[in-house]
Structures are given as C-alpha cells and as structure tokens.
Amino acid sequence: MTGLFGMPHFDLIMNLTGSSDKRLIASLDKEHDSEFIKKNYKLVRIIPGVKSTLKKLKKTYKIAILSNSAHDSILRSVESAGL
C-alpha cells in the first residue's frame, strides 16, 4: 500500500480499481476532488507562525503553491486556513 503514496491520481485509481477505462477513472477522480472540497477542507489548520512568515516573505519573494491537488481543492483549503 505504501507504494501508492505520491502516485498521480489517474495511476492510483487505475491501480485500485484494476480498470484502464479513462472515462471511469476521470469520473472517480472528479468525484474524489468534489468530496474533498465538500468535507475535508474543514480539517485544514494553519500551523502557528505561518501567516506572519508568509507576510514577511511576500515582501521580498513571490509566493506560490505547488500541489498535485485540484485547483478548487487548494483554493478551498487556503480559504479555510484563513490565508
């Protein structure tokens, strides 16, 4: 099971379902993202000191988020964290 961590969603779903049906995999991936947005974003918590650190860094650097999560999931998480 640990070999599945970090795997792209498409490959992960293909491995878990045993299906290579691209429509099915895309549908399951979309459903996963939708469920994350509806439920899991509420669990996002900001680590103490992150806001002040980001404010300081923003004065000198451009700040970006790199993730393999869907754009909507990231936006909802960032909003939920109050950033």
PDB file of N, CA and C in Angstrom:
ATOM      1  N   MET A   1       0.823  -1.194   0.000  1.00  0.00           N
ATOM      2  CA  MET A   1       0.000   0.000   0.000  1.00  0.00           C
ATOM      3  C   MET A   1       0.865   1.255   0.000  1.00  0.00           C
ATOM      4  N   THR A   2       2.019   1.227   0.663  1.00  0.00           N
ATOM      5  CA  THR A   2       2.850   2.430   0.728  1.00  0.00           C
ATOM      6  C   THR A   2       3.372   2.831  -0.650  1.00  0.00           C
ATOM      7  N   GLY A   3       3.414   1.900  -1.589  1.00  0.00           N
ATOM      8  CA  GLY A   3       3.851   2.222  -2.943  1.00  0.00           C
ATOM      9  C   GLY A   3       2.878   3.110  -3.691  1.00  0.00           C
ATOM     10  N   LEU A   4       1.674   3.272  -3.145  1.00  0.00           N
ATOM     11  CA  LEU A   4       0.657   4.103  -3.791  1.00  0.00           C
ATOM     12  C   LEU A   4       0.776   5.579  -3.410  1.00  0.00           C
ATOM     13  N   PHE A   5       1.460   5.875  -2.318  1.00  0.00           N
ATOM     14  CA  PHE A   5       1.589   7.266  -1.872  1.00  0.00           C
ATOM     15  C   PHE A   5       2.402   8.065  -2.870  1.00  0.00           C
ATOM     16  N   GLY A   6       1.893   9.254  -3.197  1.00  0.00           N
ATOM     17  CA  GLY A   6       2.590  10.143  -4.125  1.00  0.00           C
ATOM     18  C   GLY A   6       2.310   9.844  -5.580  1.00  0.00           C
ATOM     19  N   MET A   7       1.556   8.799  -5.840  1.00  0.00           N
ATOM     20  CA  MET A   7       1.237   8.410  -7.210  1.00  0.00           C
ATOM     21  C   MET A   7       0.193   9.377  -7.773  1.00  0.00           C
ATOM     22  N   PRO A   8       0.317   9.762  -9.051  1.00  0.00           N
ATOM     23  CA  PRO A   8      -0.710  10.613  -9.663  1.00  0.00           C
ATOM     24  C   PRO A   8      -2.092   9.963  -9.540  1.00  0.00           C
ATOM     25  N   HIS A   9      -3.129  10.801  -9.381  1.00  0.00           N
ATOM     26  CA  HIS A   9      -4.490  10.287  -9.177  1.00  0.00           C
ATOM     27  C   HIS A   9      -4.896   9.266 -10.236  1.00  0.00           C
ATOM     28  N   PHE A  10      -4.617   9.565 -11.496  1.00  0.00           N
ATOM     29  CA  PHE A  10      -5.021   8.671 -12.578  1.00  0.00           C
ATOM     30  C   PHE A  10      -4.427   7.281 -12.358  1.00  0.00           C
ATOM     31  N   ASP A  11      -3.132   7.219 -12.093  1.00  0.00           N
ATOM     32  CA  ASP A  11      -2.460   5.932 -11.886  1.00  0.00           C
ATOM     33  C   ASP A  11      -2.957   5.242 -10.615  1.00  0.00           C
ATOM     34  N   LEU A  12      -3.179   6.014  -9.580  1.00  0.00           N
ATOM     35  CA  LEU A  12      -3.664   5.462  -8.318  1.00  0.00           C
ATOM     36  C   LEU A  12      -5.041   4.813  -8.500  1.00  0.00           C
ATOM     37  N   ILE A  13      -5.948   5.523  -9.157  1.00  0.00           N
ATOM     38  CA  ILE A  13      -7.288   4.998  -9.378  1.00  0.00           C
ATOM     39  C   ILE A  13      -7.226   3.753 -10.266  1.00  0.00           C
ATOM     40  N   MET A  14      -6.374   3.789 -11.287  1.00  0.00           N
ATOM     41  CA  MET A  14      -6.230   2.649 -12.169  1.00  0.00           C
ATOM     42  C   MET A  14      -5.739   1.427 -11.382  1.00  0.00           C
ATOM     43  N   ASN A  15      -4.786   1.627 -10.483  1.00  0.00           N
ATOM     44  CA  ASN A  15      -4.265   0.540  -9.662  1.00  0.00           C
ATOM     45  C   ASN A  15      -5.303   0.012  -8.680  1.00  0.00           C
ATOM     46  N   LEU A  16      -6.040   0.911  -8.060  1.00  0.00           N
ATOM     47  CA  LEU A  16      -7.020   0.487  -7.059  1.00  0.00           C
ATOM     48  C   LEU A  16      -8.239  -0.196  -7.670  1.00  0.00           C
ATOM     49  N   THR A  17      -8.663   0.271  -8.858  1.00  0.00           N
ATOM     50  CA  THR A  17      -9.856  -0.305  -9.475  1.00  0.00           C
ATOM     51  C   THR A  17      -9.535  -1.459 -10.414  1.00  0.00           C
ATOM     52  N   GLY A  18      -8.300  -1.503 -10.896  1.00  0.00           N
ATOM     53  CA  GLY A  18      -7.943  -2.519 -11.882  1.00  0.00           C
ATOM     54  C   GLY A  18      -8.500  -2.206 -13.260  1.00  0.00           C
ATOM     55  N   SER A  19      -9.020  -1.005 -13.433  1.00  0.00           N
ATOM     56  CA  SER A  19      -9.625  -0.589 -14.698  1.00  0.00           C
ATOM     57  C   SER A  19      -8.697   0.360 -15.443  1.00  0.00           C
ATOM     58  N   SER A  20      -8.736   0.261 -16.766  1.00  0.00           N
ATOM     59  CA  SER A  20      -7.997   1.225 -17.584  1.00  0.00           C
ATOM     60  C   SER A  20      -8.964   2.114 -18.371  1.00  0.00           C
ATOM     61  N   ASP A  21     -10.247   2.070 -18.004  1.00  0.00           N
ATOM     62  CA  ASP A  21     -11.277   2.887 -18.635  1.00  0.00           C
ATOM     63  C   ASP A  21     -11.062   4.348 -18.250  1.00  0.00           C
ATOM     64  N   LYS A  22     -10.614   5.142 -19.212  1.00  0.00           N
ATOM     65  CA  LYS A  22     -10.271   6.545 -18.933  1.00  0.00           C
ATOM     66  C   LYS A  22     -11.464   7.355 -18.453  1.00  0.00           C
ATOM     67  N   ARG A  23     -12.653   7.061 -18.969  1.00  0.00           N
ATOM     68  CA  ARG A  23     -13.854   7.792 -18.526  1.00  0.00           C
ATOM     69  C   ARG A  23     -14.178   7.480 -17.069  1.00  0.00           C
ATOM     70  N   LEU A  24     -14.088   6.206 -16.708  1.00  0.00           N
ATOM     71  CA  LEU A  24     -14.347   5.804 -15.330  1.00  0.00           C
ATOM     72  C   LEU A  24     -13.331   6.444 -14.390  1.00  0.00           C
ATOM     73  N   ILE A  25     -12.079   6.395 -14.766  1.00  0.00           N
ATOM     74  CA  ILE A  25     -11.019   6.955 -13.931  1.00  0.00           C
ATOM     75  C   ILE A  25     -11.203   8.464 -13.775  1.00  0.00           C
ATOM     76  N   ALA A  26     -11.521   9.163 -14.873  1.00  0.00           N
ATOM     77  CA  ALA A  26     -11.758  10.615 -14.806  1.00  0.00           C
ATOM     78  C   ALA A  26     -12.952  10.925 -13.914  1.00  0.00           C
ATOM     79  N   SER A  27     -14.001  10.114 -14.015  1.00  0.00           N
ATOM     80  CA  SER A  27     -15.192  10.317 -13.189  1.00  0.00           C
ATOM     81  C   SER A  27     -14.877  10.116 -11.705  1.00  0.00           C
ATOM     82  N   LEU A  28     -14.142   9.068 -11.388  1.00  0.00           N
ATOM     83  CA  LEU A  28     -13.765   8.812  -9.994  1.00  0.00           C
ATOM     84  C   LEU A  28     -12.838   9.901  -9.453  1.00  0.00           C
ATOM     85  N   ASP A  29     -11.943  10.380 -10.297  1.00  0.00           N
ATOM     86  CA  ASP A  29     -11.032  11.453  -9.883  1.00  0.00           C
ATOM     87  C   ASP A  29     -11.817  12.723  -9.579  1.00  0.00           C
ATOM     88  N   LYS A  30     -12.774  13.040 -10.432  1.00  0.00           N
ATOM     89  CA  LYS A  30     -13.610  14.230 -10.220  1.00  0.00           C
ATOM     90  C   LYS A  30     -14.442  14.089  -8.946  1.00  0.00           C
ATOM     91  N   GLU A  31     -14.975  12.895  -8.712  1.00  0.00           N
ATOM     92  CA  GLU A  31     -15.754  12.640  -7.505  1.00  0.00           C
ATOM     93  C   GLU A  31     -14.886  12.778  -6.251  1.00  0.00           C
ATOM     94  N   HIS A  32     -13.663  12.284  -6.328  1.00  0.00           N
ATOM     95  CA  HIS A  32     -12.720  12.423  -5.206  1.00  0.00           C
ATOM     96  C   HIS A  32     -12.494  13.891  -4.882  1.00  0.00           C
ATOM     97  N   ASP A  33     -12.210  14.686  -5.910  1.00  0.00           N
ATOM     98  CA  ASP A  33     -11.960  16.113  -5.693  1.00  0.00           C
ATOM     99  C   ASP A  33     -13.184  16.800  -5.106  1.00  0.00           C
ATOM    100  N   SER A  34     -14.357  16.442  -5.607  1.00  0.00           N
ATOM    101  CA  SER A  34     -15.601  17.030  -5.110  1.00  0.00           C
ATOM    102  C   SER A  34     -15.816  16.704  -3.634  1.00  0.00           C
ATOM    103  N   GLU A  35     -15.575  15.465  -3.253  1.00  0.00           N
ATOM    104  CA  GLU A  35     -15.735  15.062  -1.854  1.00  0.00           C
ATOM    105  C   GLU A  35     -14.731  15.777  -0.957  1.00  0.00           C
ATOM    106  N   PHE A  36     -13.512  15.947  -1.437  1.00  0.00           N
ATOM    107  CA  PHE A  36     -12.514  16.675  -0.658  1.00  0.00           C
ATOM    108  C   PHE A  36     -12.989  18.097  -0.399  1.00  0.00           C
ATOM    109  N   ILE A  37     -13.457  18.732  -1.452  1.00  0.00           N
ATOM    110  CA  ILE A  37     -13.904  20.118  -1.320  1.00  0.00           C
ATOM    111  C   ILE A  37     -15.067  20.214  -0.337  1.00  0.00           C
ATOM    112  N   LYS A  38     -16.001  19.261  -0.387  1.00  0.00           N
ATOM    113  CA  LYS A  38     -17.174  19.304   0.481  1.00  0.00           C
ATOM    114  C   LYS A  38     -16.853  19.015   1.939  1.00  0.00           C
ATOM    115  N   LYS A  39     -15.955  18.076   2.193  1.00  0.00           N
ATOM    116  CA  LYS A  39     -15.777  17.578   3.554  1.00  0.00           C
ATOM    117  C   LYS A  39     -14.419  17.874   4.180  1.00  0.00           C
ATOM    118  N   ASN A  40     -13.358  17.522   3.505  1.00  0.00           N
ATOM    119  CA  ASN A  40     -12.045  17.529   4.145  1.00  0.00           C
ATOM    120  C   ASN A  40     -11.432  18.902   4.360  1.00  0.00           C
ATOM    121  N   TYR A  41     -11.860  19.896   3.590  1.00  0.00           N
ATOM    122  CA  TYR A  41     -11.272  21.221   3.765  1.00  0.00           C
ATOM    123  C   TYR A  41     -11.498  21.736   5.177  1.00  0.00           C
ATOM    124  N   LYS A  42     -12.544  21.265   5.830  1.00  0.00           N
ATOM    125  CA  LYS A  42     -12.853  21.705   7.193  1.00  0.00           C
ATOM    126  C   LYS A  42     -11.781  21.275   8.182  1.00  0.00           C
ATOM    127  N   LEU A  43     -10.995  20.282   7.804  1.00  0.00           N
ATOM    128  CA  LEU A  43      -9.949  19.757   8.694  1.00  0.00           C
ATOM    129  C   LEU A  43      -8.631  20.522   8.558  1.00  0.00           C
ATOM    130  N   VAL A  44      -8.551  21.401   7.573  1.00  0.00           N
ATOM    131  CA  VAL A  44      -7.308  22.136   7.339  1.00  0.00           C
ATOM    132  C   VAL A  44      -7.066  23.122   8.478  1.00  0.00           C
ATOM    133  N   ARG A  45      -5.875  23.089   9.013  1.00  0.00           N
ATOM    134  CA  ARG A  45      -5.481  24.005  10.086  1.00  0.00           C
ATOM    135  C   ARG A  45      -4.153  24.652   9.728  1.00  0.00           C
ATOM    136  N   ILE A  46      -4.028  25.902  10.061  1.00  0.00           N
ATOM    137  CA  ILE A  46      -2.778  26.608   9.795  1.00  0.00           C
ATOM    138  C   ILE A  46      -1.792  26.369  10.945  1.00  0.00           C
ATOM    139  N   ILE A  47      -0.562  26.181  10.607  1.00  0.00           N
ATOM    140  CA  ILE A  47       0.489  25.963  11.598  1.00  0.00           C
ATOM    141  C   ILE A  47       0.840  27.326  12.213  1.00  0.00           C
ATOM    142  N   PRO A  48       0.951  27.398  13.534  1.00  0.00           N
ATOM    143  CA  PRO A  48       1.293  28.670  14.174  1.00  0.00           C
ATOM    144  C   PRO A  48       2.567  29.278  13.565  1.00  0.00           C
ATOM    145  N   GLY A  49       2.486  30.578  13.279  1.00  0.00           N
ATOM    146  CA  GLY A  49       3.625  31.303  12.726  1.00  0.00           C
ATOM    147  C   GLY A  49       3.654  31.376  11.208  1.00  0.00           C
ATOM    148  N   VAL A  50       2.798  30.600  10.544  1.00  0.00           N
ATOM    149  CA  VAL A  50       2.820  30.577   9.078  1.00  0.00           C
ATOM    150  C   VAL A  50       2.366  31.906   8.483  1.00  0.00           C
ATOM    151  N   LYS A  51       1.283  32.478   9.000  1.00  0.00           N
ATOM    152  CA  LYS A  51       0.784  33.747   8.446  1.00  0.00           C
ATOM    153  C   LYS A  51       1.843  34.840   8.516  1.00  0.00           C
ATOM    154  N   SER A  52       2.443  35.003   9.676  1.00  0.00           N
ATOM    155  CA  SER A  52       3.449  36.067   9.820  1.00  0.00           C
ATOM    156  C   SER A  52       4.675  35.792   8.950  1.00  0.00           C
ATOM    157  N   THR A  53       5.053  34.541   8.836  1.00  0.00           N
ATOM    158  CA  THR A  53       6.205  34.188   7.990  1.00  0.00           C
ATOM    159  C   THR A  53       5.898  34.475   6.525  1.00  0.00           C
ATOM    160  N   LEU A  54       4.710  34.120   6.069  1.00  0.00           N
ATOM    161  CA  LEU A  54       4.336  34.386   4.681  1.00  0.00           C
ATOM    162  C   LEU A  54       4.286  35.887   4.398  1.00  0.00           C
ATOM    163  N   LYS A  55       3.786  36.655   5.355  1.00  0.00           N
ATOM    164  CA  LYS A  55       3.744  38.116   5.173  1.00  0.00           C
ATOM    165  C   LYS A  55       5.147  38.684   5.005  1.00  0.00           C
ATOM    166  N   LYS A  56       6.080  38.199   5.810  1.00  0.00           N
ATOM    167  CA  LYS A  56       7.469  38.672   5.710  1.00  0.00           C
ATOM    168  C   LYS A  56       8.098  38.255   4.382  1.00  0.00           C
ATOM    169  N   LEU A  57       7.895  37.004   3.997  1.00  0.00           N
ATOM    170  CA  LEU A  57       8.470  36.510   2.750  1.00  0.00           C
ATOM    171  C   LEU A  57       7.876  37.212   1.533  1.00  0.00           C
ATOM    172  N   LYS A  58       6.588  37.544   1.608  1.00  0.00           N
ATOM    173  CA  LYS A  58       5.898  38.180   0.489  1.00  0.00           C
ATOM    174  C   LYS A  58       6.489  39.540   0.137  1.00  0.00           C
ATOM    175  N   LYS A  59       7.108  40.186   1.107  1.00  0.00           N
ATOM    176  CA  LYS A  59       7.730  41.490   0.854  1.00  0.00           C
ATOM    177  C   LYS A  59       8.904  41.373  -0.108  1.00  0.00           C
ATOM    178  N   THR A  60       9.556  40.224  -0.113  1.00  0.00           N
ATOM    179  CA  THR A  60      10.756  40.035  -0.922  1.00  0.00           C
ATOM    180  C   THR A  60      10.567  39.031  -2.057  1.00  0.00           C
ATOM    181  N   TYR A  61       9.699  38.051  -1.854  1.00  0.00           N
ATOM    182  CA  TYR A  61       9.548  36.949  -2.809  1.00  0.00           C
ATOM    183  C   TYR A  61       8.113  36.827  -3.297  1.00  0.00           C
ATOM    184  N   LYS A  62       7.968  36.227  -4.470  1.00  0.00           N
ATOM    185  CA  LYS A  62       6.649  35.842  -4.956  1.00  0.00           C
ATOM    186  C   LYS A  62       6.323  34.505  -4.314  1.00  0.00           C
ATOM    187  N   ILE A  63       5.126  34.395  -3.776  1.00  0.00           N
ATOM    188  CA  ILE A  63       4.708  33.186  -3.077  1.00  0.00           C
ATOM    189  C   ILE A  63       3.813  32.361  -4.011  1.00  0.00           C
ATOM    190  N   ALA A  64       4.035  31.054  -4.050  1.00  0.00           N
ATOM    191  CA  ALA A  64       3.235  30.165  -4.889  1.00  0.00           C
ATOM    192  C   ALA A  64       2.943  28.872  -4.133  1.00  0.00           C
ATOM    193  N   ILE A  65       1.925  28.183  -4.581  1.00  0.00           N
ATOM    194  CA  ILE A  65       1.580  26.874  -4.036  1.00  0.00           C
ATOM    195  C   ILE A  65       1.763  25.853  -5.153  1.00  0.00           C
ATOM    196  N   LEU A  66       2.539  24.831  -4.882  1.00  0.00           N
ATOM    197  CA  LEU A  66       2.720  23.740  -5.828  1.00  0.00           C
ATOM    198  C   LEU A  66       2.088  22.504  -5.215  1.00  0.00           C
ATOM    199  N   SER A  67       1.178  21.874  -5.956  1.00  0.00           N
ATOM    200  CA  SER A  67       0.469  20.722  -5.424  1.00  0.00           C
ATOM    201  C   SER A  67      -0.047  19.855  -6.557  1.00  0.00           C
ATOM    202  N   ASN A  68      -0.268  18.587  -6.245  1.00  0.00           N
ATOM    203  CA  ASN A  68      -0.908  17.725  -7.232  1.00  0.00           C
ATOM    204  C   ASN A  68      -2.418  17.671  -7.007  1.00  0.00           C
ATOM    205  N   SER A  69      -2.912  18.476  -6.080  1.00  0.00           N
ATOM    206  CA  SER A  69      -4.356  18.544  -5.829  1.00  0.00           C
ATOM    207  C   SER A  69      -5.022  19.452  -6.847  1.00  0.00           C
ATOM    208  N   ALA A  70      -6.320  19.267  -7.005  1.00  0.00           N
ATOM    209  CA  ALA A  70      -7.097  20.093  -7.930  1.00  0.00           C
ATOM    210  C   ALA A  70      -7.101  21.544  -7.457  1.00  0.00           C
ATOM    211  N   HIS A  71      -7.163  22.453  -8.414  1.00  0.00           N
ATOM    212  CA  HIS A  71      -7.136  23.890  -8.132  1.00  0.00           C
ATOM    213  C   HIS A  71      -8.215  24.281  -7.118  1.00  0.00           C
ATOM    214  N   ASP A  72      -9.442  23.789  -7.326  1.00  0.00           N
ATOM    215  CA  ASP A  72     -10.542  24.114  -6.409  1.00  0.00           C
ATOM    216  C   ASP A  72     -10.261  23.629  -4.991  1.00  0.00           C
ATOM    217  N   SER A  73      -9.647  22.463  -4.873  1.00  0.00           N
ATOM    218  CA  SER A  73      -9.310  21.920  -3.551  1.00  0.00           C
ATOM    219  C   SER A  73      -8.306  22.816  -2.837  1.00  0.00           C
ATOM    220  N   ILE A  74      -7.320  23.276  -3.575  1.00  0.00           N
ATOM    221  CA  ILE A  74      -6.295  24.153  -2.994  1.00  0.00           C
ATOM    222  C   ILE A  74      -6.921  25.481  -2.560  1.00  0.00           C
ATOM    223  N   LEU A  75      -7.727  26.066  -3.431  1.00  0.00           N
ATOM    224  CA  LEU A  75      -8.368  27.341  -3.068  1.00  0.00           C
ATOM    225  C   LEU A  75      -9.211  27.198  -1.818  1.00  0.00           C
ATOM    226  N   ARG A  76     -10.000  26.154  -1.741  1.00  0.00           N
ATOM    227  CA  ARG A  76     -10.862  25.944  -0.580  1.00  0.00           C
ATOM    228  C   ARG A  76     -10.026  25.740   0.693  1.00  0.00           C
ATOM    229  N   SER A  77      -8.932  25.014   0.579  1.00  0.00           N
ATOM    230  CA  SER A  77      -8.059  24.776   1.738  1.00  0.00           C
ATOM    231  C   SER A  77      -7.417  26.071   2.216  1.00  0.00           C
ATOM    232  N   VAL A  78      -6.936  26.874   1.269  1.00  0.00           N
ATOM    233  CA  VAL A  78      -6.294  28.139   1.609  1.00  0.00           C
ATOM    234  C   VAL A  78      -7.306  29.070   2.273  1.00  0.00           C
ATOM    235  N   GLU A  79      -8.506  29.143   1.727  1.00  0.00           N
ATOM    236  CA  GLU A  79      -9.556  29.975   2.321  1.00  0.00           C
ATOM    237  C   GLU A  79      -9.920  29.468   3.723  1.00  0.00           C
ATOM    238  N   SER A  80     -10.024  28.171   3.851  1.00  0.00           N
ATOM    239  CA  SER A  80     -10.373  27.556   5.127  1.00  0.00           C
ATOM    240  C   SER A  80      -9.323  27.859   6.193  1.00  0.00           C
ATOM    241  N   ALA A  81      -8.078  27.919   5.770  1.00  0.00           N
ATOM    242  CA  ALA A  81      -6.980  28.212   6.697  1.00  0.00           C
ATOM    243  C   ALA A  81      -6.886  29.694   7.030  1.00  0.00           C
ATOM    244  N   GLY A  82      -7.628  30.511   6.285  1.00  0.00           N
ATOM    245  CA  GLY A  82      -7.604  31.950   6.545  1.00  0.00           C
ATOM    246  C   GLY A  82      -6.417  32.653   5.930  1.00  0.00           C
ATOM    247  N   LEU A  83      -5.902  32.105   4.842  1.00  0.00           N
ATOM    248  CA  LEU A  83      -4.744  32.720   4.163  1.00  0.00           C
ATOM    249  C   LEU A  83      -5.194  33.513   2.949  1.00  0.00           C
TER     250      LEU A  83
END
